Amino acid sequence: MLRLAIVDDHGIVRAGFREMLVDELGIRIAFEAASGEEALEKLREHDCDVLLLDLSLPGQSGIDVLRIVRQRYADLKVLVLSGFPEERYALPMLRHGANGYLCKDCEREELLKAIQTVARGRRYVSGRTAELLADDLAGESTAPAHESLSERELQVFLRLARGESVSGIAEALNLSVKTVSTYRSRLLEKLALASNAELAAYALQHGLMVA
């Protein structure tokens, strides 16, 4: 029996995926969670094989959760479910440890295929993501600058773009204020920007606002 967890802050979305999977033989819902903190707490209490993880969560974002899961649960498979198209986050999430990336408007058959693929230890790549990967490998990618950010840089970037303070980010990510300030300076340099306001504008322009 494959144990599946659904992490999304919208109850109607969780119910929708639960309804899609309720009659599927061989799959059991291990738990549901409405936030990153709740997901991490329940992972300590329940065994799970595949985590369906939304990117946009209150508090700890899906990116935060992915980072922690990769540190603590090496064998847990993570399938990112997102309202953002592949062009926005698929490649960064795969690079940072996700086993697959799927848009929320997927059909039931594609969801099942993705779950079964990652459960077998393989990566699930949609047709569009495969094109993006091929372009990237061929050096033909026109990927925006944010795709080159490290996992931690992406975390800090998205929090700064939401208007969080350096001290608040330091507390949330268990980093020193000096370290976060260093990340901020590095981000401004990599993205060729000059201020937090420009970081926010960049995030909006590229449709990257998470949580």
N, C-alpha and C. Protein backbone atom coordinates (compact mmCIF):
# COMPACT_ATOMS: atom_id res chain seq x y z
N MET A 1 0.84 -1.20 0.00
CA MET A 1 0.00 0.00 0.00
C MET A 1 0.87 1.25 0.00
N LEU A 2 0.68 2.11 -0.98
CA LEU A 2 1.44 3.34 -1.09
C LEU A 2 0.79 4.41 -0.21
N ARG A 3 1.58 4.97 0.71
CA ARG A 3 1.08 5.97 1.66
C ARG A 3 1.36 7.36 1.12
N LEU A 4 0.28 8.12 0.96
CA LEU A 4 0.36 9.42 0.30
C LEU A 4 -0.09 10.52 1.26
N ALA A 5 0.62 11.66 1.21
CA ALA A 5 0.23 12.82 2.01
C ALA A 5 -0.06 13.99 1.08
N ILE A 6 -1.07 14.79 1.43
CA ILE A 6 -1.46 15.94 0.63
C ILE A 6 -1.26 17.20 1.45
N VAL A 7 -0.41 18.11 0.96
CA VAL A 7 -0.11 19.35 1.68
C VAL A 7 -0.53 20.53 0.80
N ASP A 8 -1.61 21.20 1.21
CA ASP A 8 -2.12 22.37 0.49
C ASP A 8 -2.95 23.18 1.46
N ASP A 9 -2.85 24.49 1.38
CA ASP A 9 -3.56 25.33 2.35
C ASP A 9 -5.03 25.53 2.02
N HIS A 10 -5.49 25.04 0.88
CA HIS A 10 -6.89 25.18 0.51
C HIS A 10 -7.61 23.83 0.68
N GLY A 11 -8.59 23.81 1.58
CA GLY A 11 -9.32 22.57 1.84
C GLY A 11 -9.99 22.01 0.62
N ILE A 12 -10.51 22.87 -0.26
CA ILE A 12 -11.20 22.40 -1.45
C ILE A 12 -10.23 21.72 -2.42
N VAL A 13 -8.97 22.18 -2.44
CA VAL A 13 -7.96 21.54 -3.29
C VAL A 13 -7.61 20.17 -2.74
N ARG A 14 -7.41 20.10 -1.42
CA ARG A 14 -7.11 18.80 -0.80
C ARG A 14 -8.26 17.82 -1.05
N ALA A 15 -9.48 18.31 -0.92
CA ALA A 15 -10.64 17.46 -1.14
C ALA A 15 -10.70 16.98 -2.59
N GLY A 16 -10.34 17.87 -3.50
CA GLY A 16 -10.35 17.50 -4.91
C GLY A 16 -9.37 16.37 -5.22
N PHE A 17 -8.15 16.50 -4.70
CA PHE A 17 -7.17 15.45 -4.94
C PHE A 17 -7.55 14.16 -4.20
N ARG A 18 -8.12 14.31 -2.99
CA ARG A 18 -8.56 13.13 -2.25
C ARG A 18 -9.65 12.39 -3.02
N GLU A 19 -10.57 13.15 -3.60
CA GLU A 19 -11.65 12.56 -4.38
C GLU A 19 -11.10 11.85 -5.62
N MET A 20 -10.07 12.42 -6.23
CA MET A 20 -9.47 11.81 -7.41
C MET A 20 -8.81 10.47 -7.09
N LEU A 21 -8.38 10.32 -5.83
CA LEU A 21 -7.58 9.15 -5.47
C LEU A 21 -8.30 8.15 -4.59
N VAL A 22 -9.50 8.50 -4.09
CA VAL A 22 -10.16 7.70 -3.06
C VAL A 22 -10.44 6.27 -3.52
N ASP A 23 -10.74 6.07 -4.77
CA ASP A 23 -11.09 4.73 -5.27
C ASP A 23 -9.90 4.00 -5.89
N GLU A 24 -8.73 4.62 -5.84
CA GLU A 24 -7.55 4.01 -6.47
C GLU A 24 -6.98 2.92 -5.56
N LEU A 25 -6.95 1.70 -6.07
CA LEU A 25 -6.40 0.58 -5.30
C LEU A 25 -4.90 0.77 -5.10
N GLY A 26 -4.42 0.44 -3.92
CA GLY A 26 -2.99 0.50 -3.64
C GLY A 26 -2.51 1.83 -3.14
N ILE A 27 -3.41 2.83 -2.99
CA ILE A 27 -3.03 4.14 -2.47
C ILE A 27 -3.86 4.46 -1.23
N ARG A 28 -3.20 4.87 -0.16
CA ARG A 28 -3.88 5.27 1.07
C ARG A 28 -3.43 6.67 1.46
N ILE A 29 -4.35 7.54 1.85
CA ILE A 29 -4.00 8.88 2.31
C ILE A 29 -3.47 8.78 3.73
N ALA A 30 -2.17 9.04 3.90
CA ALA A 30 -1.55 8.94 5.23
C ALA A 30 -1.97 10.12 6.10
N PHE A 31 -1.99 11.32 5.52
CA PHE A 31 -2.46 12.50 6.24
C PHE A 31 -2.63 13.66 5.26
N GLU A 32 -3.29 14.70 5.74
CA GLU A 32 -3.39 15.96 5.02
C GLU A 32 -2.87 17.07 5.92
N ALA A 33 -2.36 18.13 5.32
CA ALA A 33 -1.85 19.27 6.09
C ALA A 33 -2.14 20.55 5.34
N ALA A 34 -2.41 21.62 6.11
CA ALA A 34 -2.77 22.90 5.51
C ALA A 34 -1.64 23.90 5.55
N SER A 35 -0.50 23.53 6.12
CA SER A 35 0.64 24.44 6.20
C SER A 35 1.93 23.64 6.22
N GLY A 36 3.04 24.32 5.99
CA GLY A 36 4.33 23.65 6.04
C GLY A 36 4.63 23.13 7.43
N GLU A 37 4.32 23.92 8.45
CA GLU A 37 4.58 23.51 9.82
C GLU A 37 3.79 22.26 10.18
N GLU A 38 2.51 22.23 9.77
CA GLU A 38 1.68 21.06 10.06
C GLU A 38 2.19 19.83 9.32
N ALA A 39 2.65 20.01 8.09
CA ALA A 39 3.18 18.88 7.33
C ALA A 39 4.40 18.28 8.01
N LEU A 40 5.32 19.13 8.47
CA LEU A 40 6.52 18.63 9.12
C LEU A 40 6.20 17.94 10.43
N GLU A 41 5.20 18.47 11.15
CA GLU A 41 4.79 17.84 12.41
C GLU A 41 4.19 16.46 12.15
N LYS A 42 3.34 16.36 11.14
CA LYS A 42 2.70 15.08 10.85
C LYS A 42 3.67 14.06 10.26
N LEU A 43 4.71 14.55 9.57
CA LEU A 43 5.72 13.62 9.07
C LEU A 43 6.46 12.92 10.21
N ARG A 44 6.53 13.58 11.36
CA ARG A 44 7.16 12.95 12.53
C ARG A 44 6.27 11.88 13.14
N GLU A 45 4.97 11.94 12.82
CA GLU A 45 4.01 11.03 13.44
C GLU A 45 3.51 9.93 12.51
N HIS A 46 3.60 10.16 11.20
CA HIS A 46 3.02 9.22 10.23
C HIS A 46 4.06 8.83 9.18
N ASP A 47 4.08 7.54 8.85
CA ASP A 47 4.93 7.08 7.76
C ASP A 47 4.30 7.48 6.43
N CYS A 48 5.15 7.84 5.49
CA CYS A 48 4.65 8.35 4.21
C CYS A 48 5.65 7.99 3.11
N ASP A 49 5.13 7.66 1.93
CA ASP A 49 5.99 7.31 0.80
C ASP A 49 6.11 8.46 -0.21
N VAL A 50 4.99 9.15 -0.47
CA VAL A 50 4.97 10.24 -1.44
C VAL A 50 4.27 11.45 -0.82
N LEU A 51 4.91 12.60 -0.92
CA LEU A 51 4.35 13.84 -0.40
C LEU A 51 3.93 14.72 -1.57
N LEU A 52 2.62 15.00 -1.68
CA LEU A 52 2.13 15.96 -2.66
C LEU A 52 2.22 17.34 -2.02
N LEU A 53 3.10 18.17 -2.51
CA LEU A 53 3.46 19.41 -1.83
C LEU A 53 3.15 20.65 -2.67
N ASP A 54 2.28 21.51 -2.14
CA ASP A 54 2.02 22.79 -2.79
C ASP A 54 3.18 23.73 -2.50
N LEU A 55 3.49 24.61 -3.44
CA LEU A 55 4.53 25.61 -3.21
C LEU A 55 4.04 26.76 -2.34
N SER A 56 2.78 27.13 -2.54
CA SER A 56 2.25 28.33 -1.89
C SER A 56 1.55 27.95 -0.59
N LEU A 57 2.28 28.09 0.52
CA LEU A 57 1.76 27.73 1.84
C LEU A 57 1.97 28.89 2.80
N PRO A 58 1.10 29.04 3.79
CA PRO A 58 1.32 30.07 4.80
C PRO A 58 2.50 29.69 5.70
N GLY A 59 3.21 30.68 6.20
CA GLY A 59 4.36 30.40 7.06
C GLY A 59 5.50 29.82 6.23
N GLN A 60 5.89 28.59 6.56
CA GLN A 60 6.94 27.93 5.79
C GLN A 60 6.39 27.54 4.43
N SER A 61 7.01 28.05 3.39
CA SER A 61 6.54 27.77 2.03
C SER A 61 6.91 26.35 1.62
N GLY A 62 6.38 25.94 0.47
CA GLY A 62 6.73 24.62 -0.04
C GLY A 62 8.22 24.48 -0.29
N ILE A 63 8.86 25.57 -0.67
CA ILE A 63 10.31 25.53 -0.88
C ILE A 63 11.03 25.27 0.44
N ASP A 64 10.56 25.91 1.51
CA ASP A 64 11.13 25.66 2.84
C ASP A 64 10.95 24.20 3.23
N VAL A 65 9.74 23.69 3.03
CA VAL A 65 9.44 22.31 3.41
C VAL A 65 10.29 21.33 2.61
N LEU A 66 10.43 21.58 1.31
CA LEU A 66 11.25 20.70 0.47
C LEU A 66 12.67 20.63 1.00
N ARG A 67 13.23 21.75 1.37
CA ARG A 67 14.59 21.77 1.89
C ARG A 67 14.73 20.93 3.16
N ILE A 68 13.78 21.08 4.08
CA ILE A 68 13.82 20.34 5.34
C ILE A 68 13.60 18.85 5.10
N VAL A 69 12.65 18.52 4.23
CA VAL A 69 12.38 17.11 3.92
C VAL A 69 13.62 16.44 3.35
N ARG A 70 14.32 17.13 2.47
CA ARG A 70 15.52 16.53 1.88
C ARG A 70 16.61 16.31 2.93
N GLN A 71 16.63 17.11 3.96
CA GLN A 71 17.61 16.95 5.04
C GLN A 71 17.25 15.82 5.99
N ARG A 72 15.95 15.65 6.25
CA ARG A 72 15.50 14.71 7.29
C ARG A 72 14.97 13.39 6.78
N TYR A 73 14.41 13.39 5.57
CA TYR A 73 13.74 12.18 5.06
C TYR A 73 14.25 11.89 3.65
N ALA A 74 15.42 11.32 3.60
CA ALA A 74 16.10 11.13 2.31
C ALA A 74 15.30 10.25 1.35
N ASP A 75 14.53 9.29 1.87
CA ASP A 75 13.82 8.35 1.01
C ASP A 75 12.42 8.82 0.63
N LEU A 76 11.94 9.88 1.23
CA LEU A 76 10.60 10.36 0.95
C LEU A 76 10.55 11.01 -0.44
N LYS A 77 9.59 10.61 -1.25
CA LYS A 77 9.44 11.17 -2.58
C LYS A 77 8.54 12.40 -2.51
N VAL A 78 8.95 13.47 -3.17
CA VAL A 78 8.20 14.73 -3.14
C VAL A 78 7.75 15.10 -4.54
N LEU A 79 6.43 15.17 -4.71
CA LEU A 79 5.84 15.60 -5.98
C LEU A 79 5.25 16.98 -5.75
N VAL A 80 5.85 17.99 -6.36
CA VAL A 80 5.39 19.37 -6.18
C VAL A 80 4.15 19.59 -7.04
N LEU A 81 3.09 20.08 -6.39
CA LEU A 81 1.86 20.45 -7.08
C LEU A 81 1.74 21.96 -7.03
N SER A 82 1.60 22.60 -8.16
CA SER A 82 1.63 24.05 -8.16
C SER A 82 0.62 24.65 -9.12
N GLY A 83 0.16 25.85 -8.76
CA GLY A 83 -0.68 26.60 -9.67
C GLY A 83 0.16 27.35 -10.69
N PHE A 84 1.48 27.35 -10.50
CA PHE A 84 2.38 28.04 -11.42
C PHE A 84 2.77 27.09 -12.57
N PRO A 85 2.84 27.58 -13.80
CA PRO A 85 3.24 26.73 -14.92
C PRO A 85 4.70 26.30 -14.81
N GLU A 86 5.04 25.29 -15.58
CA GLU A 86 6.38 24.71 -15.50
C GLU A 86 7.49 25.73 -15.71
N GLU A 87 7.24 26.70 -16.57
CA GLU A 87 8.28 27.68 -16.89
C GLU A 87 8.74 28.45 -15.66
N ARG A 88 7.89 28.57 -14.65
CA ARG A 88 8.21 29.39 -13.48
C ARG A 88 9.12 28.64 -12.50
N TYR A 89 8.73 27.38 -12.16
CA TYR A 89 9.39 26.73 -11.04
C TYR A 89 9.85 25.28 -11.28
N ALA A 90 9.46 24.65 -12.36
CA ALA A 90 9.74 23.23 -12.53
C ALA A 90 11.22 22.91 -12.43
N LEU A 91 12.05 23.59 -13.22
CA LEU A 91 13.49 23.28 -13.21
C LEU A 91 14.13 23.59 -11.86
N PRO A 92 13.88 24.77 -11.26
CA PRO A 92 14.46 25.01 -9.94
C PRO A 92 14.05 23.98 -8.90
N MET A 93 12.78 23.56 -8.89
CA MET A 93 12.34 22.58 -7.90
C MET A 93 12.98 21.21 -8.12
N LEU A 94 13.11 20.81 -9.37
CA LEU A 94 13.79 19.54 -9.66
C LEU A 94 15.26 19.60 -9.25
N ARG A 95 15.90 20.74 -9.51
CA ARG A 95 17.30 20.89 -9.12
C ARG A 95 17.47 20.86 -7.61
N HIS A 96 16.45 21.32 -6.89
CA HIS A 96 16.57 21.40 -5.44
C HIS A 96 15.99 20.19 -4.72
N GLY A 97 15.72 19.12 -5.47
CA GLY A 97 15.40 17.86 -4.79
C GLY A 97 14.01 17.32 -4.97
N ALA A 98 13.11 18.02 -5.67
CA ALA A 98 11.79 17.46 -5.92
C ALA A 98 11.90 16.29 -6.89
N ASN A 99 11.03 15.29 -6.71
CA ASN A 99 11.03 14.13 -7.60
C ASN A 99 10.14 14.33 -8.81
N GLY A 100 9.33 15.39 -8.77
CA GLY A 100 8.48 15.69 -9.90
C GLY A 100 7.77 17.01 -9.70
N TYR A 101 7.24 17.56 -10.78
CA TYR A 101 6.53 18.84 -10.74
C TYR A 101 5.29 18.71 -11.60
N LEU A 102 4.15 19.08 -11.02
CA LEU A 102 2.88 18.89 -11.71
C LEU A 102 1.99 20.09 -11.46
N CYS A 103 1.33 20.58 -12.49
CA CYS A 103 0.39 21.68 -12.33
C CYS A 103 -0.93 21.16 -11.75
N LYS A 104 -1.59 22.00 -10.96
CA LYS A 104 -2.80 21.57 -10.25
C LYS A 104 -3.97 21.28 -11.18
N ASP A 105 -3.95 21.79 -12.39
CA ASP A 105 -5.06 21.56 -13.30
C ASP A 105 -4.90 20.26 -14.09
N CYS A 106 -4.03 19.39 -13.59
CA CYS A 106 -3.77 18.13 -14.30
C CYS A 106 -5.00 17.21 -14.25
N GLU A 107 -5.04 16.27 -15.18
CA GLU A 107 -6.09 15.25 -15.19
C GLU A 107 -5.74 14.13 -14.21
N ARG A 108 -6.75 13.37 -13.81
CA ARG A 108 -6.55 12.28 -12.85
C ARG A 108 -5.49 11.29 -13.33
N GLU A 109 -5.54 10.96 -14.62
CA GLU A 109 -4.59 9.98 -15.16
C GLU A 109 -3.15 10.47 -15.03
N GLU A 110 -2.94 11.77 -15.27
CA GLU A 110 -1.59 12.30 -15.16
C GLU A 110 -1.13 12.33 -13.71
N LEU A 111 -2.04 12.66 -12.79
CA LEU A 111 -1.70 12.65 -11.37
C LEU A 111 -1.28 11.26 -10.92
N LEU A 112 -2.06 10.24 -11.31
CA LEU A 112 -1.72 8.87 -10.95
C LEU A 112 -0.39 8.45 -11.54
N LYS A 113 -0.16 8.80 -12.79
CA LYS A 113 1.10 8.47 -13.45
C LYS A 113 2.27 9.11 -12.71
N ALA A 114 2.11 10.37 -12.32
CA ALA A 114 3.18 11.07 -11.62
C ALA A 114 3.46 10.42 -10.26
N ILE A 115 2.40 10.10 -9.52
CA ILE A 115 2.56 9.47 -8.21
C ILE A 115 3.27 8.13 -8.35
N GLN A 116 2.83 7.31 -9.28
CA GLN A 116 3.42 5.99 -9.46
C GLN A 116 4.86 6.08 -9.93
N THR A 117 5.15 7.09 -10.76
CA THR A 117 6.52 7.26 -11.27
C THR A 117 7.48 7.60 -10.13
N VAL A 118 7.13 8.60 -9.33
CA VAL A 118 8.05 8.99 -8.25
C VAL A 118 8.12 7.93 -7.16
N ALA A 119 7.01 7.20 -6.94
CA ALA A 119 7.02 6.13 -5.94
C ALA A 119 8.01 5.04 -6.31
N ARG A 120 8.24 4.84 -7.61
CA ARG A 120 9.19 3.83 -8.08
C ARG A 120 10.63 4.35 -8.05
N GLY A 121 10.80 5.58 -7.59
CA GLY A 121 12.16 6.11 -7.48
C GLY A 121 12.64 6.84 -8.71
N ARG A 122 11.73 7.11 -9.64
CA ARG A 122 12.09 7.86 -10.84
C ARG A 122 11.54 9.27 -10.74
N ARG A 123 12.04 10.15 -11.58
CA ARG A 123 11.53 11.52 -11.60
C ARG A 123 10.38 11.63 -12.60
N TYR A 124 9.36 12.37 -12.20
CA TYR A 124 8.27 12.61 -13.13
C TYR A 124 8.50 13.95 -13.83
N VAL A 125 8.53 13.90 -15.15
CA VAL A 125 8.75 15.10 -15.95
C VAL A 125 7.65 15.18 -17.00
N SER A 126 6.88 16.27 -16.96
CA SER A 126 5.83 16.46 -17.96
C SER A 126 6.44 16.74 -19.31
N GLY A 127 5.62 16.71 -20.34
CA GLY A 127 6.13 16.99 -21.68
C GLY A 127 6.76 18.38 -21.77
N ARG A 128 6.11 19.36 -21.15
CA ARG A 128 6.64 20.73 -21.21
C ARG A 128 7.95 20.84 -20.44
N THR A 129 8.02 20.21 -19.26
CA THR A 129 9.25 20.24 -18.48
C THR A 129 10.38 19.55 -19.22
N ALA A 130 10.07 18.47 -19.93
CA ALA A 130 11.08 17.77 -20.72
C ALA A 130 11.65 18.71 -21.79
N GLU A 131 10.79 19.52 -22.40
CA GLU A 131 11.27 20.50 -23.39
C GLU A 131 12.21 21.51 -22.74
N LEU A 132 11.83 21.98 -21.54
CA LEU A 132 12.66 22.95 -20.84
C LEU A 132 14.02 22.36 -20.48
N LEU A 133 14.01 21.10 -20.05
CA LEU A 133 15.27 20.42 -19.72
C LEU A 133 16.14 20.25 -20.96
N ALA A 134 15.52 19.87 -22.08
CA ALA A 134 16.27 19.68 -23.32
C ALA A 134 16.91 20.98 -23.77
N ASP A 135 16.14 22.07 -23.70
CA ASP A 135 16.69 23.38 -24.08
C ASP A 135 17.84 23.77 -23.17
N ASP A 136 17.69 23.48 -21.88
CA ASP A 136 18.73 23.82 -20.92
C ASP A 136 20.01 23.04 -21.20
N LEU A 137 19.87 21.74 -21.49
CA LEU A 137 21.04 20.90 -21.77
C LEU A 137 21.71 21.30 -23.08
N ALA A 138 20.90 21.75 -24.03
CA ALA A 138 21.44 22.13 -25.33
C ALA A 138 22.01 23.54 -25.33
N GLY A 139 21.89 24.21 -24.20
CA GLY A 139 22.40 25.58 -24.12
C GLY A 139 21.53 26.57 -24.85
N GLU A 140 20.28 26.17 -25.14
CA GLU A 140 19.38 27.04 -25.87
C GLU A 140 18.35 27.71 -24.96
N SER A 141 18.52 27.50 -23.66
CA SER A 141 17.55 28.04 -22.72
C SER A 141 17.64 29.55 -22.64
N THR A 142 16.48 30.17 -22.59
CA THR A 142 16.42 31.62 -22.35
C THR A 142 15.90 31.86 -20.94
N ALA A 143 16.34 30.99 -20.03
CA ALA A 143 15.85 31.02 -18.65
C ALA A 143 16.18 32.35 -17.99
N PRO A 144 15.24 32.88 -17.22
CA PRO A 144 15.49 34.13 -16.50
C PRO A 144 16.53 33.92 -15.39
N ALA A 145 17.04 35.04 -14.90
CA ALA A 145 18.15 34.99 -13.96
C ALA A 145 17.84 34.23 -12.68
N HIS A 146 16.58 34.24 -12.24
CA HIS A 146 16.26 33.60 -10.95
C HIS A 146 16.45 32.09 -10.98
N GLU A 147 16.45 31.48 -12.17
CA GLU A 147 16.62 30.03 -12.24
C GLU A 147 18.03 29.60 -11.87
N SER A 148 18.97 30.54 -11.82
CA SER A 148 20.34 30.20 -11.44
C SER A 148 20.56 30.31 -9.93
N LEU A 149 19.54 30.74 -9.19
CA LEU A 149 19.69 30.92 -7.75
C LEU A 149 19.77 29.58 -7.03
N SER A 150 20.55 29.54 -5.98
CA SER A 150 20.60 28.35 -5.15
C SER A 150 19.29 28.22 -4.38
N GLU A 151 19.09 27.08 -3.75
CA GLU A 151 17.86 26.84 -2.99
C GLU A 151 17.69 27.90 -1.90
N ARG A 152 18.75 28.16 -1.14
CA ARG A 152 18.67 29.12 -0.05
C ARG A 152 18.46 30.53 -0.59
N GLU A 153 19.14 30.86 -1.68
CA GLU A 153 18.95 32.18 -2.30
C GLU A 153 17.50 32.37 -2.74
N LEU A 154 16.90 31.32 -3.29
CA LEU A 154 15.52 31.40 -3.73
C LEU A 154 14.59 31.61 -2.55
N GLN A 155 14.85 30.91 -1.44
CA GLN A 155 14.05 31.10 -0.23
C GLN A 155 14.09 32.56 0.22
N VAL A 156 15.31 33.09 0.35
CA VAL A 156 15.47 34.46 0.83
C VAL A 156 14.84 35.45 -0.15
N PHE A 157 15.07 35.23 -1.43
CA PHE A 157 14.53 36.11 -2.47
C PHE A 157 13.01 36.23 -2.36
N LEU A 158 12.31 35.10 -2.26
CA LEU A 158 10.86 35.13 -2.24
C LEU A 158 10.33 35.80 -0.97
N ARG A 159 11.04 35.62 0.13
CA ARG A 159 10.61 36.27 1.37
C ARG A 159 10.85 37.78 1.31
N LEU A 160 11.98 38.19 0.77
CA LEU A 160 12.23 39.62 0.59
C LEU A 160 11.19 40.23 -0.34
N ALA A 161 10.85 39.51 -1.40
CA ALA A 161 9.88 40.01 -2.36
C ALA A 161 8.50 40.18 -1.74
N ARG A 162 8.20 39.37 -0.71
CA ARG A 162 6.92 39.50 -0.01
C ARG A 162 6.94 40.62 1.02
N GLY A 163 8.09 41.24 1.19
CA GLY A 163 8.18 42.36 2.12
C GLY A 163 8.64 41.99 3.51
N GLU A 164 9.13 40.76 3.71
CA GLU A 164 9.62 40.37 5.03
C GLU A 164 10.94 41.08 5.32
N SER A 165 11.17 41.40 6.59
CA SER A 165 12.40 42.08 6.99
C SER A 165 13.56 41.09 7.06
N VAL A 166 14.77 41.62 7.01
CA VAL A 166 15.96 40.77 7.13
C VAL A 166 15.95 40.02 8.46
N SER A 167 15.60 40.71 9.54
CA SER A 167 15.57 40.05 10.85
C SER A 167 14.49 38.98 10.91
N GLY A 168 13.33 39.25 10.28
CA GLY A 168 12.26 38.26 10.25
C GLY A 168 12.64 37.02 9.46
N ILE A 169 13.33 37.23 8.35
CA ILE A 169 13.79 36.10 7.54
C ILE A 169 14.83 35.29 8.30
N ALA A 170 15.73 35.99 8.98
CA ALA A 170 16.76 35.31 9.75
C ALA A 170 16.13 34.39 10.80
N GLU A 171 15.10 34.89 11.47
CA GLU A 171 14.43 34.09 12.50
C GLU A 171 13.70 32.90 11.87
N ALA A 172 13.00 33.14 10.76
CA ALA A 172 12.21 32.08 10.13
C ALA A 172 13.09 30.96 9.58
N LEU A 173 14.26 31.32 9.06
CA LEU A 173 15.14 30.32 8.43
C LEU A 173 16.28 29.89 9.34
N ASN A 174 16.25 30.37 10.59
CA ASN A 174 17.29 30.00 11.56
C ASN A 174 18.68 30.37 11.06
N LEU A 175 18.79 31.60 10.56
CA LEU A 175 20.07 32.13 10.09
C LEU A 175 20.38 33.41 10.87
N SER A 176 21.62 33.84 10.80
CA SER A 176 21.97 35.12 11.42
C SER A 176 21.53 36.26 10.51
N VAL A 177 21.31 37.42 11.10
CA VAL A 177 20.95 38.60 10.32
C VAL A 177 22.05 38.92 9.31
N LYS A 178 23.30 38.75 9.72
CA LYS A 178 24.42 39.02 8.83
C LYS A 178 24.38 38.10 7.61
N THR A 179 24.06 36.83 7.83
CA THR A 179 24.00 35.87 6.73
C THR A 179 22.90 36.24 5.74
N VAL A 180 21.73 36.61 6.26
CA VAL A 180 20.63 37.00 5.39
C VAL A 180 20.99 38.26 4.60
N SER A 181 21.67 39.19 5.26
CA SER A 181 22.10 40.41 4.57
C SER A 181 23.07 40.08 3.44
N THR A 182 23.92 39.10 3.67
CA THR A 182 24.86 38.67 2.64
C THR A 182 24.10 38.06 1.46
N TYR A 183 23.09 37.24 1.76
CA TYR A 183 22.26 36.66 0.69
C TYR A 183 21.57 37.76 -0.09
N ARG A 184 21.07 38.77 0.62
CA ARG A 184 20.37 39.87 -0.05
C ARG A 184 21.31 40.58 -1.03
N SER A 185 22.53 40.86 -0.59
CA SER A 185 23.50 41.53 -1.46
C SER A 185 23.81 40.68 -2.68
N ARG A 186 23.94 39.38 -2.45
CA ARG A 186 24.23 38.46 -3.55
C ARG A 186 23.08 38.41 -4.55
N LEU A 187 21.85 38.43 -4.03
CA LEU A 187 20.68 38.41 -4.89
C LEU A 187 20.60 39.65 -5.77
N LEU A 188 20.82 40.79 -5.15
CA LEU A 188 20.78 42.04 -5.92
C LEU A 188 21.81 42.02 -7.04
N GLU A 189 22.98 41.45 -6.74
CA GLU A 189 24.04 41.38 -7.75
C GLU A 189 23.67 40.41 -8.87
N LYS A 190 23.20 39.21 -8.49
CA LYS A 190 22.88 38.19 -9.50
C LYS A 190 21.73 38.61 -10.40
N LEU A 191 20.76 39.32 -9.83
CA LEU A 191 19.58 39.70 -10.59
C LEU A 191 19.70 41.10 -11.18
N ALA A 192 20.83 41.74 -10.91
CA ALA A 192 21.08 43.09 -11.42
C ALA A 192 20.00 44.07 -10.98
N LEU A 193 19.70 44.03 -9.68
CA LEU A 193 18.69 44.89 -9.10
C LEU A 193 19.33 45.76 -8.02
N ALA A 194 18.56 46.76 -7.56
CA ALA A 194 19.17 47.73 -6.65
C ALA A 194 18.48 47.84 -5.30
N SER A 195 17.31 47.24 -5.13
CA SER A 195 16.58 47.44 -3.87
C SER A 195 15.57 46.32 -3.67
N ASN A 196 15.00 46.27 -2.44
CA ASN A 196 13.95 45.30 -2.16
C ASN A 196 12.73 45.55 -3.03
N ALA A 197 12.46 46.82 -3.31
CA ALA A 197 11.32 47.15 -4.17
C ALA A 197 11.51 46.56 -5.56
N GLU A 198 12.72 46.60 -6.06
CA GLU A 198 12.99 46.02 -7.38
C GLU A 198 12.92 44.49 -7.33
N LEU A 199 13.30 43.90 -6.18
CA LEU A 199 13.13 42.45 -6.02
C LEU A 199 11.66 42.08 -6.11
N ALA A 200 10.81 42.85 -5.43
CA ALA A 200 9.38 42.59 -5.46
C ALA A 200 8.82 42.76 -6.87
N ALA A 201 9.27 43.80 -7.56
CA ALA A 201 8.80 44.04 -8.92
C ALA A 201 9.23 42.91 -9.85
N TYR A 202 10.45 42.42 -9.67
CA TYR A 202 10.95 41.30 -10.48
C TYR A 202 10.07 40.06 -10.25
N ALA A 203 9.79 39.79 -8.96
CA ALA A 203 8.98 38.62 -8.63
C ALA A 203 7.59 38.71 -9.25
N LEU A 204 6.99 39.88 -9.20
CA LEU A 204 5.68 40.07 -9.80
C LEU A 204 5.73 39.93 -11.32
N GLN A 205 6.76 40.51 -11.91
CA GLN A 205 6.90 40.46 -13.36
C GLN A 205 7.02 39.02 -13.88
N HIS A 206 7.72 38.19 -13.09
CA HIS A 206 7.94 36.81 -13.52
C HIS A 206 6.95 35.83 -12.89
N GLY A 207 5.93 36.36 -12.21
CA GLY A 207 4.91 35.50 -11.65
C GLY A 207 5.41 34.56 -10.59
N LEU A 208 6.30 35.05 -9.71
CA LEU A 208 6.97 34.18 -8.73
C LEU A 208 6.46 34.34 -7.30
N MET A 209 5.43 35.11 -7.10
CA MET A 209 4.98 35.36 -5.74
C MET A 209 4.37 34.09 -5.16
N VAL A 210 5.04 33.53 -4.15
CA VAL A 210 4.61 32.30 -3.51
C VAL A 210 4.21 32.61 -2.08
N ALA A 211 3.07 32.13 -1.67
CA ALA A 211 2.54 32.24 -0.31
C ALA A 211 2.16 33.66 0.03
